[in-house]
PDB file of N, CA and C in Angstrom:
ATOM      1  N   UNK A   1       8.004  15.795   3.945  1.00  0.00           N
ATOM      2  CA  UNK A   1       8.929  14.849   4.515  1.00  0.00           C
ATOM      3  C   UNK A   1      10.246  15.680   4.607  1.00  0.00           C
ATOM      4  N   UNK A   2      10.701  15.820   5.734  1.00  0.00           N
ATOM      5  CA  UNK A   2      12.271  16.289   5.931  1.00  0.00           C
ATOM      6  C   UNK A   2      13.217  15.061   5.922  1.00  0.00           C
ATOM      7  N   UNK A   3      14.427  15.739   5.440  1.00  0.00           N
ATOM      8  CA  UNK A   3      15.956  14.683   5.191  1.00  0.00           C
ATOM      9  C   UNK A   3      15.953  14.611   6.437  1.00  0.00           C
ATOM     10  N   UNK A   4      16.938  13.501   6.857  1.00  0.00           N
ATOM     11  CA  UNK A   4      17.759  13.152   8.218  1.00  0.00           C
ATOM     12  C   UNK A   4      17.062  13.648   9.405  1.00  0.00           C
ATOM     13  N   UNK A   5      15.782  12.959   9.389  1.00  0.00           N
ATOM     14  CA  UNK A   5      15.131  13.319  10.646  1.00  0.00           C
ATOM     15  C   UNK A   5      13.982  11.934  10.973  1.00  0.00           C
ATOM     16  N   UNK A   6      14.125  11.321  11.913  1.00  0.00           N
ATOM     17  CA  UNK A   6      13.069  10.075  12.133  1.00  0.00           C
ATOM     18  C   UNK A   6      11.793  10.388  11.965  1.00  0.00           C
ATOM     19  N   UNK A   7      10.925   9.839  11.126  1.00  0.00           N
ATOM     20  CA  UNK A   7       9.569  10.030  10.984  1.00  0.00           C
ATOM     21  C   UNK A   7       8.857   8.716  11.175  1.00  0.00           C
ATOM     22  N   UNK A   8       7.268   8.904  11.600  1.00  0.00           N
ATOM     23  CA  UNK A   8       6.545   7.664  11.498  1.00  0.00           C
ATOM     24  C   UNK A   8       6.314   6.968   9.965  1.00  0.00           C
ATOM     25  N   UNK A   9       6.374   5.730  10.021  1.00  0.00           N
ATOM     26  CA  UNK A   9       6.069   5.065   8.641  1.00  0.00           C
ATOM     27  C   UNK A   9       4.731   5.463   8.298  1.00  0.00           C
ATOM     28  N   UNK A  10       4.532   5.319   6.787  1.00  0.00           N
ATOM     29  CA  UNK A  10       2.982   5.845   6.566  1.00  0.00           C
ATOM     30  C   UNK A  10       1.981   4.500   6.363  1.00  0.00           C
ATOM     31  N   UNK A  11       2.351   3.294   6.663  1.00  0.00           N
ATOM     32  CA  UNK A  11       1.306   2.222   6.970  1.00  0.00           C
ATOM     33  C   UNK A  11       0.656   2.363   8.227  1.00  0.00           C
ATOM     34  N   UNK A  12      -0.484   2.602   8.093  1.00  0.00           N
ATOM     35  CA  UNK A  12      -1.030   2.832   9.358  1.00  0.00           C
ATOM     36  C   UNK A  12      -1.375   1.782  10.709  1.00  0.00           C
ATOM     37  N   UNK A  13      -1.362   0.428   9.799  1.00  0.00           N
ATOM     38  CA  UNK A  13      -1.687  -0.660  10.849  1.00  0.00           C
ATOM     39  C   UNK A  13      -0.394  -1.300  11.199  1.00  0.00           C
ATOM     40  N   UNK A  14       0.658  -0.337  11.263  1.00  0.00           N
ATOM     41  CA  UNK A  14       2.101  -0.704  11.741  1.00  0.00           C
ATOM     42  C   UNK A  14       2.821   0.038  12.222  1.00  0.00           C
ATOM     43  N   UNK A  15       3.519  -0.125  13.245  1.00  0.00           N
ATOM     44  CA  UNK A  15       4.205   0.905  13.904  1.00  0.00           C
ATOM     45  C   UNK A  15       6.034   0.606  13.433  1.00  0.00           C
ATOM     46  N   UNK A  16       6.194   1.601  12.791  1.00  0.00           N
ATOM     47  CA  UNK A  16       7.889   1.558  12.156  1.00  0.00           C
ATOM     48  C   UNK A  16       8.076   3.114  12.208  1.00  0.00           C
ATOM     49  N   UNK A  17       9.291   3.230  11.820  1.00  0.00           N
ATOM     50  CA  UNK A  17       9.982   4.649  11.708  1.00  0.00           C
ATOM     51  C   UNK A  17      10.843   4.575  10.391  1.00  0.00           C
ATOM     52  N   UNK A  18      10.942   5.713   9.634  1.00  0.00           N
ATOM     53  CA  UNK A  18      11.637   5.920   8.410  1.00  0.00           C
ATOM     54  C   UNK A  18      12.385   6.918   8.561  1.00  0.00           C
ATOM     55  N   UNK A  19      13.832   6.934   8.297  1.00  0.00           N
ATOM     56  CA  UNK A  19      14.798   8.201   8.180  1.00  0.00           C
ATOM     57  C   UNK A  19      15.310   8.163   6.776  1.00  0.00           C
ATOM     58  N   UNK A  20      14.440   9.402   6.271  1.00  0.00           N
ATOM     59  CA  UNK A  20      15.011   9.727   4.829  1.00  0.00           C
ATOM     60  C   UNK A  20      16.225  10.295   4.589  1.00  0.00           C
ATOM     61  N   UNK A  21      16.902   9.475   3.506  1.00  0.00           N
ATOM     62  CA  UNK A  21      18.440   9.741   3.363  1.00  0.00           C
ATOM     63  C   UNK A  21      18.290  10.821   2.031  1.00  0.00           C
ATOM     64  N   UNK A  22      17.465  10.523   1.104  1.00  0.00           N
ATOM     65  CA  UNK A  22      17.368  11.256   0.140  1.00  0.00           C
ATOM     66  C   UNK A  22      16.039  10.950  -0.801  1.00  0.00           C
ATOM     67  N   UNK A  23      15.631  11.945  -1.500  1.00  0.00           N
ATOM     68  CA  UNK A  23      14.406  11.522  -2.517  1.00  0.00           C
ATOM     69  C   UNK A  23      14.479  12.900  -3.220  1.00  0.00           C
ATOM     70  N   UNK A  24      14.392  12.435  -4.642  1.00  0.00           N
ATOM     71  CA  UNK A  24      14.564  13.444  -5.625  1.00  0.00           C
ATOM     72  C   UNK A  24      13.871  12.794  -6.941  1.00  0.00           C
ATOM     73  N   UNK A  25      13.564  13.949  -7.974  1.00  0.00           N
ATOM     74  CA  UNK A  25      12.701  13.313  -9.270  1.00  0.00           C
ATOM     75  C   UNK A  25      13.576  14.323 -10.255  1.00  0.00           C
ATOM     76  N   UNK A  26      14.202  13.545 -11.205  1.00  0.00           N
ATOM     77  CA  UNK A  26      14.707  14.236 -12.477  1.00  0.00           C
ATOM     78  C   UNK A  26      13.810  13.622 -13.635  1.00  0.00           C
ATOM     79  N   UNK A  27      13.060  14.523 -14.147  1.00  0.00           N
ATOM     80  CA  UNK A  27      12.179  14.714 -15.361  1.00  0.00           C
ATOM     81  C   UNK A  27      10.997  13.780 -14.845  1.00  0.00           C
ATOM     82  N   UNK A  28      11.010  12.460 -15.614  1.00  0.00           N
ATOM     83  CA  UNK A  28      10.024  11.327 -14.907  1.00  0.00           C
ATOM     84  C   UNK A  28      10.771  10.102 -14.285  1.00  0.00           C
ATOM     85  N   UNK A  29      11.992  10.632 -13.749  1.00  0.00           N
ATOM     86  CA  UNK A  29      12.625   9.309 -12.893  1.00  0.00           C
ATOM     87  C   UNK A  29      12.727   9.929 -11.498  1.00  0.00           C
ATOM     88  N   UNK A  30      12.269   8.898 -10.642  1.00  0.00           N
ATOM     89  CA  UNK A  30      12.597   9.388  -9.010  1.00  0.00           C
ATOM     90  C   UNK A  30      13.350   8.390  -8.424  1.00  0.00           C
ATOM     91  N   UNK A  31      14.255   8.879  -7.319  1.00  0.00           N
ATOM     92  CA  UNK A  31      14.736   8.300  -6.654  1.00  0.00           C
ATOM     93  C   UNK A  31      14.889   8.334  -5.016  1.00  0.00           C
ATOM     94  N   UNK A  32      14.746   7.381  -4.128  1.00  0.00           N
ATOM     95  CA  UNK A  32      14.830   7.840  -2.810  1.00  0.00           C
ATOM     96  C   UNK A  32      15.531   6.521  -1.911  1.00  0.00           C
ATOM     97  N   UNK A  33      15.722   6.942  -0.698  1.00  0.00           N
ATOM     98  CA  UNK A  33      16.646   6.119   0.237  1.00  0.00           C
ATOM     99  C   UNK A  33      16.110   6.293   1.423  1.00  0.00           C
ATOM    100  N   UNK A  34      15.911   5.412   2.321  1.00  0.00           N
ATOM    101  CA  UNK A  34      15.501   5.334   3.375  1.00  0.00           C
ATOM    102  C   UNK A  34      16.274   4.312   4.357  1.00  0.00           C
ATOM    103  N   UNK A  35      16.348   4.435   5.821  1.00  0.00           N
ATOM    104  CA  UNK A  35      16.406   3.424   6.813  1.00  0.00           C
ATOM    105  C   UNK A  35      15.150   3.120   7.292  1.00  0.00           C
ATOM    106  N   UNK A  36      14.572   2.092   7.366  1.00  0.00           N
ATOM    107  CA  UNK A  36      13.586   2.115   8.076  1.00  0.00           C
ATOM    108  C   UNK A  36      13.935   1.155   9.636  1.00  0.00           C
ATOM    109  N   UNK A  37      13.220   1.545  10.677  1.00  0.00           N
ATOM    110  CA  UNK A  37      13.376   0.617  11.697  1.00  0.00           C
ATOM    111  C   UNK A  37      12.207   0.206  12.349  1.00  0.00           C
ATOM    112  N   UNK A  38      12.023  -1.138  12.545  1.00  0.00           N
ATOM    113  CA  UNK A  38      10.919  -1.974  12.973  1.00  0.00           C
ATOM    114  C   UNK A  38      11.071  -2.134  14.316  1.00  0.00           C
ATOM    115  N   UNK A  39      10.385  -2.180  15.218  1.00  0.00           N
ATOM    116  CA  UNK A  39      10.539  -2.749  16.615  1.00  0.00           C
ATOM    117  C   UNK A  39      10.038  -4.147  16.617  1.00  0.00           C
ATOM    118  N   UNK A  40      10.542  -4.736  17.860  1.00  0.00           N
ATOM    119  CA  UNK A  40      10.293  -6.219  17.623  1.00  0.00           C
ATOM    120  C   UNK A  40       8.762  -6.248  17.737  1.00  0.00           C
ATOM    121  N   UNK A  41       8.280  -7.577  17.233  1.00  0.00           N
ATOM    122  CA  UNK A  41       6.804  -7.742  16.787  1.00  0.00           C
ATOM    123  C   UNK A  41       6.194  -7.139  15.855  1.00  0.00           C
ATOM    124  N   UNK A  42       6.900  -5.910  15.420  1.00  0.00           N
ATOM    125  CA  UNK A  42       5.976  -5.283  14.248  1.00  0.00           C
ATOM    126  C   UNK A  42       5.532  -6.050  13.106  1.00  0.00           C
ATOM    127  N   UNK A  43       4.511  -5.746  12.687  1.00  0.00           N
ATOM    128  CA  UNK A  43       3.509  -6.583  11.568  1.00  0.00           C
ATOM    129  C   UNK A  43       3.368  -5.362  10.571  1.00  0.00           C
ATOM    130  N   UNK A  44       3.854  -5.601   9.310  1.00  0.00           N
ATOM    131  CA  UNK A  44       3.629  -4.798   8.152  1.00  0.00           C
ATOM    132  C   UNK A  44       2.382  -5.548   7.334  1.00  0.00           C
ATOM    133  N   UNK A  45       1.338  -5.486   7.226  1.00  0.00           N
ATOM    134  CA  UNK A  45       0.260  -5.954   6.781  1.00  0.00           C
ATOM    135  C   UNK A  45       0.479  -6.168   5.233  1.00  0.00           C
ATOM    136  N   UNK A  46       0.379  -7.116   4.633  1.00  0.00           N
ATOM    137  CA  UNK A  46       0.169  -7.529   3.153  1.00  0.00           C
ATOM    138  C   UNK A  46      -0.531  -6.214   2.438  1.00  0.00           C
ATOM    139  N   UNK A  47       0.261  -5.571   1.606  1.00  0.00           N
ATOM    140  CA  UNK A  47      -0.091  -4.613   0.624  1.00  0.00           C
ATOM    141  C   UNK A  47       0.880  -4.339  -0.839  1.00  0.00           C
ATOM    142  N   UNK A  48       0.112  -3.463  -1.454  1.00  0.00           N
ATOM    143  CA  UNK A  48       1.043  -2.843  -2.506  1.00  0.00           C
ATOM    144  C   UNK A  48       1.064  -1.185  -2.362  1.00  0.00           C
ATOM    145  N   UNK A  49       2.227  -0.773  -3.101  1.00  0.00           N
ATOM    146  CA  UNK A  49       2.580   0.653  -3.049  1.00  0.00           C
ATOM    147  C   UNK A  49       1.901   1.171  -4.229  1.00  0.00           C
ATOM    148  N   UNK A  50       1.176   2.257  -4.206  1.00  0.00           N
ATOM    149  CA  UNK A  50       0.678   2.764  -5.336  1.00  0.00           C
ATOM    150  C   UNK A  50       1.340   3.748  -5.980  1.00  0.00           C
ATOM    151  N   UNK A  51       1.321   3.824  -7.195  1.00  0.00           N
ATOM    152  CA  UNK A  51       2.308   4.950  -7.809  1.00  0.00           C
ATOM    153  C   UNK A  51       1.581   5.014  -9.142  1.00  0.00           C
ATOM    154  N   UNK A  52       2.005   6.221  -9.799  1.00  0.00           N
ATOM    155  CA  UNK A  52       1.274   6.542 -11.425  1.00  0.00           C
ATOM    156  C   UNK A  52       2.689   6.324 -12.009  1.00  0.00           C
ATOM    157  N   UNK A  53       3.163   5.002 -12.324  1.00  0.00           N
ATOM    158  CA  UNK A  53       4.166   4.645 -13.051  1.00  0.00           C
ATOM    159  C   UNK A  53       4.413   3.268 -12.585  1.00  0.00           C
ATOM    160  N   UNK A  54       5.972   3.252 -12.463  1.00  0.00           N
ATOM    161  CA  UNK A  54       6.482   1.886 -12.087  1.00  0.00           C
ATOM    162  C   UNK A  54       7.517   2.093 -10.863  1.00  0.00           C
ATOM    163  N   UNK A  55       7.475   1.081 -10.222  1.00  0.00           N
ATOM    164  CA  UNK A  55       8.684   1.295  -8.919  1.00  0.00           C
ATOM    165  C   UNK A  55       9.298  -0.227  -8.640  1.00  0.00           C
ATOM    166  N   UNK A  56      10.696   0.322  -8.496  1.00  0.00           N
ATOM    167  CA  UNK A  56      11.660  -1.094  -8.007  1.00  0.00           C
ATOM    168  C   UNK A  56      11.984  -0.700  -6.735  1.00  0.00           C
ATOM    169  N   UNK A  57      12.254  -1.608  -5.669  1.00  0.00           N
ATOM    170  CA  UNK A  57      12.844  -1.011  -4.606  1.00  0.00           C
ATOM    171  C   UNK A  57      13.565  -2.689  -4.040  1.00  0.00           C
ATOM    172  N   UNK A  58      14.887  -2.132  -3.811  1.00  0.00           N
ATOM    173  CA  UNK A  58      15.765  -2.792  -2.927  1.00  0.00           C
ATOM    174  C   UNK A  58      15.885  -2.555  -1.475  1.00  0.00           C
ATOM    175  N   UNK A  59      15.409  -3.596  -0.869  1.00  0.00           N
ATOM    176  CA  UNK A  59      15.515  -3.702   0.532  1.00  0.00           C
ATOM    177  C   UNK A  59      16.921  -4.709   1.162  1.00  0.00           C
ATOM    178  N   UNK A  60      17.736  -3.984   2.151  1.00  0.00           N
ATOM    179  CA  UNK A  60      18.821  -4.684   2.659  1.00  0.00           C
ATOM    180  C   UNK A  60      18.736  -4.556   3.969  1.00  0.00           C
ATOM    181  N   UNK A  61      18.605  -6.006   4.737  1.00  0.00           N
ATOM    182  CA  UNK A  61      18.643  -5.793   6.103  1.00  0.00           C
ATOM    183  C   UNK A  61      19.562  -5.298   6.779  1.00  0.00           C
ATOM    184  N   UNK A  62      20.120  -4.537   7.582  1.00  0.00           N
ATOM    185  CA  UNK A  62      21.428  -3.757   8.368  1.00  0.00           C
ATOM    186  C   UNK A  62      21.497  -4.878   9.390  1.00  0.00           C
ATOM    187  N   UNK A  63      20.652  -4.880  10.282  1.00  0.00           N
ATOM    188  CA  UNK A  63      20.294  -5.787  11.452  1.00  0.00           C
ATOM    189  C   UNK A  63      19.178  -6.277  11.915  1.00  0.00           C
ATOM    190  N   UNK A  64      19.068  -7.166  12.573  1.00  0.00           N
ATOM    191  CA  UNK A  64      17.767  -7.926  13.026  1.00  0.00           C
ATOM    192  C   UNK A  64      17.272  -8.942  12.269  1.00  0.00           C
ATOM    193  N   UNK A  65      16.312  -9.559  12.540  1.00  0.00           N
ATOM    194  CA  UNK A  65      15.628 -10.710  11.989  1.00  0.00           C
ATOM    195  C   UNK A  65      14.443 -10.582  12.077  1.00  0.00           C
ATOM    196  N   UNK A  66      13.824 -10.667  10.581  1.00  0.00           N
ATOM    197  CA  UNK A  66      12.408 -10.233  10.175  1.00  0.00           C
ATOM    198  C   UNK A  66      12.132 -11.265   8.981  1.00  0.00           C
ATOM    199  N   UNK A  67      10.977 -11.483   8.959  1.00  0.00           N
ATOM    200  CA  UNK A  67      10.438 -12.255   7.762  1.00  0.00           C
ATOM    201  C   UNK A  67       9.683 -11.317   6.667  1.00  0.00           C
ATOM    202  N   UNK A  68      10.341 -11.311   5.411  1.00  0.00           N
ATOM    203  CA  UNK A  68       9.705 -10.755   4.357  1.00  0.00           C
ATOM    204  C   UNK A  68       8.611 -11.468   3.658  1.00  0.00           C
ATOM    205  N   UNK A  69       7.710 -11.013   3.193  1.00  0.00           N
ATOM    206  CA  UNK A  69       6.790 -12.086   2.572  1.00  0.00           C
ATOM    207  C   UNK A  69       6.200 -11.339   1.126  1.00  0.00           C
ATOM    208  N   UNK A  70       6.476 -11.994   0.136  1.00  0.00           N
ATOM    209  CA  UNK A  70       6.019 -11.497  -1.192  1.00  0.00           C
ATOM    210  C   UNK A  70       5.256 -12.459  -2.114  1.00  0.00           C
ATOM    211  N   UNK A  71       4.192 -11.673  -2.688  1.00  0.00           N
ATOM    212  CA  UNK A  71       3.387 -12.496  -3.874  1.00  0.00           C
ATOM    213  C   UNK A  71       4.362 -12.780  -4.797  1.00  0.00           C
ATOM    214  N   UNK A  72       4.580 -14.093  -5.389  1.00  0.00           N
ATOM    215  CA  UNK A  72       5.240 -14.263  -6.428  1.00  0.00           C
ATOM    216  C   UNK A  72       4.437 -14.527  -7.865  1.00  0.00           C
ATOM    217  N   UNK A  73       5.122 -14.317  -8.799  1.00  0.00           N
ATOM    218  CA  UNK A  73       4.588 -14.585 -10.066  1.00  0.00           C
ATOM    219  C   UNK A  73       5.665 -15.207 -10.916  1.00  0.00           C
ATOM    220  N   UNK A  74       5.352 -16.321 -11.739  1.00  0.00           N
ATOM    221  CA  UNK A  74       6.391 -16.849 -12.752  1.00  0.00           C
ATOM    222  C   UNK A  74       6.845 -16.000 -13.898  1.00  0.00           C
ATOM    223  N   UNK A  75       6.223 -14.956 -14.198  1.00  0.00           N
ATOM    224  CA  UNK A  75       6.608 -14.209 -15.604  1.00  0.00           C
ATOM    225  C   UNK A  75       7.138 -12.970 -14.960  1.00  0.00           C
ATOM    226  N   UNK A  76       7.332 -12.517 -13.744  1.00  0.00           N
ATOM    227  CA  UNK A  76       7.794 -10.991 -13.185  1.00  0.00           C
ATOM    228  C   UNK A  76       8.926 -11.207 -12.558  1.00  0.00           C
ATOM    229  N   UNK A  77       9.927 -10.863 -12.420  1.00  0.00           N
ATOM    230  CA  UNK A  77      11.196 -11.437 -11.652  1.00  0.00           C
ATOM    231  C   UNK A  77      11.414 -10.773 -10.589  1.00  0.00           C
ATOM    232  N   UNK A  78      11.801 -11.301  -9.307  1.00  0.00           N
ATOM    233  CA  UNK A  78      11.998 -10.571  -8.157  1.00  0.00           C
ATOM    234  C   UNK A  78      13.107 -11.412  -7.671  1.00  0.00           C
ATOM    235  N   UNK A  79      13.945 -10.802  -6.663  1.00  0.00           N
ATOM    236  CA  UNK A  79      14.788 -11.470  -6.251  1.00  0.00           C
ATOM    237  C   UNK A  79      14.912 -11.488  -4.402  1.00  0.00           C
ATOM    238  N   UNK A  80      14.769 -12.715  -3.861  1.00  0.00           N
ATOM    239  CA  UNK A  80      14.623 -12.492  -2.431  1.00  0.00           C
ATOM    240  C   UNK A  80      15.468 -13.284  -1.667  1.00  0.00           C
ATOM    241  N   UNK A  81      16.311 -12.902  -0.968  1.00  0.00           N
ATOM    242  CA  UNK A  81      17.104 -13.689  -0.024  1.00  0.00           C
ATOM    243  C   UNK A  81      16.816 -13.335   1.457  1.00  0.00           C
ATOM    244  N   UNK A  82      17.601 -13.997   2.273  1.00  0.00           N
ATOM    245  CA  UNK A  82      17.387 -13.875   3.735  1.00  0.00           C
ATOM    246  C   UNK A  82      17.711 -12.147   4.078  1.00  0.00           C
ATOM    247  N   UNK A  83      18.778 -11.671   3.653  1.00  0.00           N
ATOM    248  CA  UNK A  83      19.123 -10.308   3.932  1.00  0.00           C
ATOM    249  C   UNK A  83      18.916  -9.081   2.773  1.00  0.00           C
ATOM    250  N   UNK A  84      18.587  -9.760   1.294  1.00  0.00           N
ATOM    251  CA  UNK A  84      18.186  -8.682   0.449  1.00  0.00           C
ATOM    252  C   UNK A  84      17.244  -9.170  -0.312  1.00  0.00           C
ATOM    253  N   UNK A  85      16.114  -8.017  -0.541  1.00  0.00           N
ATOM    254  CA  UNK A  85      15.031  -8.139  -1.546  1.00  0.00           C
ATOM    255  C   UNK A  85      15.111  -7.132  -2.403  1.00  0.00           C
ATOM    256  N   UNK A  86      14.746  -7.552  -3.743  1.00  0.00           N
ATOM    257  CA  UNK A  86      14.627  -6.595  -4.839  1.00  0.00           C
ATOM    258  C   UNK A  86      13.150  -7.154  -5.438  1.00  0.00           C
ATOM    259  N   UNK A  87      12.416  -6.024  -5.637  1.00  0.00           N
ATOM    260  CA  UNK A  87      11.055  -6.618  -5.776  1.00  0.00           C
ATOM    261  C   UNK A  87      10.526  -5.267  -6.608  1.00  0.00           C
ATOM    262  N   UNK A  88       9.252  -5.326  -7.170  1.00  0.00           N
ATOM    263  CA  UNK A  88       8.443  -4.178  -7.709  1.00  0.00           C
ATOM    264  C   UNK A  88       7.050  -4.160  -6.711  1.00  0.00           C
ATOM    265  N   UNK A  89       7.094  -2.921  -5.727  1.00  0.00           N
ATOM    266  CA  UNK A  89       6.143  -3.007  -4.697  1.00  0.00           C
ATOM    267  C   UNK A  89       4.764  -2.468  -5.249  1.00  0.00           C
ATOM    268  N   UNK A  90       4.855  -2.133  -6.562  1.00  0.00           N
ATOM    269  CA  UNK A  90       3.570  -1.806  -7.050  1.00  0.00           C
ATOM    270  C   UNK A  90       2.656  -2.648  -7.781  1.00  0.00           C
ATOM    271  N   UNK A  91       3.472  -3.784  -7.913  1.00  0.00           N
ATOM    272  CA  UNK A  91       2.954  -5.209  -8.596  1.00  0.00           C
ATOM    273  C   UNK A  91       2.471  -6.208  -7.436  1.00  0.00           C
ATOM    274  N   UNK A  92       3.546  -6.335  -6.620  1.00  0.00           N
ATOM    275  CA  UNK A  92       3.587  -7.217  -5.841  1.00  0.00           C
ATOM    276  C   UNK A  92       2.717  -7.089  -4.318  1.00  0.00           C
ATOM    277  N   UNK A  93       1.838  -7.999  -3.881  1.00  0.00           N
ATOM    278  CA  UNK A  93       1.666  -7.743  -2.417  1.00  0.00           C
ATOM    279  C   UNK A  93       2.865  -8.163  -1.557  1.00  0.00           C
ATOM    280  N   UNK A  94       3.144  -7.441  -0.703  1.00  0.00           N
ATOM    281  CA  UNK A  94       4.451  -7.606   0.288  1.00  0.00           C
ATOM    282  C   UNK A  94       4.068  -7.450   1.594  1.00  0.00           C
ATOM    283  N   UNK A  95       4.653  -8.074   2.699  1.00  0.00           N
ATOM    284  CA  UNK A  95       4.502  -7.785   4.046  1.00  0.00           C
ATOM    285  C   UNK A  95       5.930  -8.269   4.896  1.00  0.00           C
ATOM    286  N   UNK A  96       5.822  -7.905   6.049  1.00  0.00           N
ATOM    287  CA  UNK A  96       7.121  -8.050   7.067  1.00  0.00           C
ATOM    288  C   UNK A  96       6.430  -8.447   8.454  1.00  0.00           C
ATOM    289  N   UNK A  97       7.262  -9.075   9.041  1.00  0.00           N
ATOM    290  CA  UNK A  97       7.062  -9.364  10.489  1.00  0.00           C
ATOM    291  C   UNK A  97       8.450  -9.243  10.909  1.00  0.00           C
ATOM    292  N   UNK A  98       8.676  -8.450  12.030  1.00  0.00           N
ATOM    293  CA  UNK A  98       9.921  -8.139  12.847  1.00  0.00           C
ATOM    294  C   UNK A  98      10.041  -9.063  14.040  1.00  0.00           C
ATOM    295  N   UNK A  99      10.763 -10.290  13.867  1.00  0.00           N
ATOM    296  CA  UNK A  99      11.159 -11.061  14.990  1.00  0.00           C
ATOM    297  C   UNK A  99      11.901 -10.370  15.986  1.00  0.00           C
ATOM    298  N   UNK A 100      13.105  -9.341  15.651  1.00  0.00           N
ATOM    299  CA  UNK A 100      13.643  -8.730  16.479  1.00  0.00           C
ATOM    300  C   UNK A 100      13.804  -7.300  15.938  1.00  0.00           C
ATOM    301  N   UNK A 101      14.014  -6.239  16.991  1.00  0.00           N
ATOM    302  CA  UNK A 101      14.404  -4.855  16.399  1.00  0.00           C
ATOM    303  C   UNK A 101      15.254  -4.858  15.114  1.00  0.00           C
ATOM    304  N   UNK A 102      14.434  -4.543  13.854  1.00  0.00           N
ATOM    305  CA  UNK A 102      15.373  -4.664  12.508  1.00  0.00           C
ATOM    306  C   UNK A 102      15.490  -3.297  11.956  1.00  0.00           C
ATOM    307  N   UNK A 103      16.655  -3.022  11.455  1.00  0.00           N
ATOM    308  CA  UNK A 103      16.853  -2.049  10.731  1.00  0.00           C
ATOM    309  C   UNK A 103      16.882  -2.160   8.925  1.00  0.00           C
ATOM    310  N   UNK A 104      16.394  -1.624   8.107  1.00  0.00           N
ATOM    311  CA  UNK A 104      16.764  -2.200   6.653  1.00  0.00           C
ATOM    312  C   UNK A 104      17.198  -0.744   6.167  1.00  0.00           C
ATOM    313  N   UNK A 105      17.983  -1.036   4.842  1.00  0.00           N
ATOM    314  CA  UNK A 105      18.107   0.020   3.998  1.00  0.00           C
ATOM    315  C   UNK A 105      17.354   0.136   2.988  1.00  0.00           C
ATOM    316  N   UNK A 106      16.584   0.815   2.597  1.00  0.00           N
ATOM    317  CA  UNK A 106      15.443   0.684   1.303  1.00  0.00           C
ATOM    318  C   UNK A 106      15.665   1.779   0.243  1.00  0.00           C
ATOM    319  N   UNK A 107      15.966   1.132  -0.741  1.00  0.00           N
ATOM    320  CA  UNK A 107      16.299   2.062  -2.257  1.00  0.00           C
ATOM    321  C   UNK A 107      15.293   1.999  -2.995  1.00  0.00           C
ATOM    322  N   UNK A 108      14.766   3.126  -3.629  1.00  0.00           N
ATOM    323  CA  UNK A 108      13.693   2.937  -4.443  1.00  0.00           C
ATOM    324  C   UNK A 108      13.930   3.881  -5.715  1.00  0.00           C
ATOM    325  N   UNK A 109      13.624   3.162  -6.857  1.00  0.00           N
ATOM    326  CA  UNK A 109      13.876   3.852  -8.147  1.00  0.00           C
ATOM    327  C   UNK A 109      12.454   3.847  -8.796  1.00  0.00           C
ATOM    328  N   UNK A 110      11.838   4.914  -9.594  1.00  0.00           N
ATOM    329  CA  UNK A 110      10.631   5.072 -10.159  1.00  0.00           C
ATOM    330  C   UNK A 110      10.527   5.772 -11.302  1.00  0.00           C
ATOM    331  N   UNK A 111       9.613   5.127 -12.327  1.00  0.00           N
ATOM    332  CA  UNK A 111       9.507   5.927 -13.707  1.00  0.00           C
ATOM    333  C   UNK A 111       8.199   6.332 -13.608  1.00  0.00           C
ATOM    334  N   UNK A 112       7.704   7.626 -13.823  1.00  0.00           N
ATOM    335  CA  UNK A 112       6.559   8.132 -13.500  1.00  0.00           C
ATOM    336  C   UNK A 112       5.826   8.118 -14.869  1.00  0.00           C
ATOM    337  N   UNK A 113       4.520   7.854 -14.946  1.00  0.00           N
ATOM    338  CA  UNK A 113       4.080   8.329 -16.378  1.00  0.00           C
ATOM    339  C   UNK A 113       4.060   9.720 -16.663  1.00  0.00           C
ATOM    340  N   UNK A 114       4.052  10.585 -16.015  1.00  0.00           N
ATOM    341  CA  UNK A 114       3.851  12.082 -16.285  1.00  0.00           C
ATOM    342  C   UNK A 114       4.978  12.623 -15.777  1.00  0.00           C
ATOM    343  N   UNK A 115       5.491  13.672 -16.663  1.00  0.00           N
ATOM    344  CA  UNK A 115       6.861  14.637 -15.978  1.00  0.00           C
ATOM    345  C   UNK A 115       6.101  15.464 -15.224  1.00  0.00           C
TER     346      UNK A 115
END
């Protein structure tokens, strides 16, 4: 993956673009940042992001209107507001429907099981 270049998103059933701002790993800690662009009508099917470890993600809507869906559990904390979502994508099924062209800033932090 190249930095600062628009690329297709990895979800096969959804057309969206990602613009990597950074991604790096220090020992067993990983960090990434993307701008995600969803065209009007894009549907990101419900899924989990698999990783050998734990991951936290903060998504902030920069512009547009979308509906973010997340499976909830009473014992694992998530935060979800209209424009800001913080959650564990490795634990929760999550999805998105873009009502208008939508741009999001997506920041991730991971702790990998192996160094």
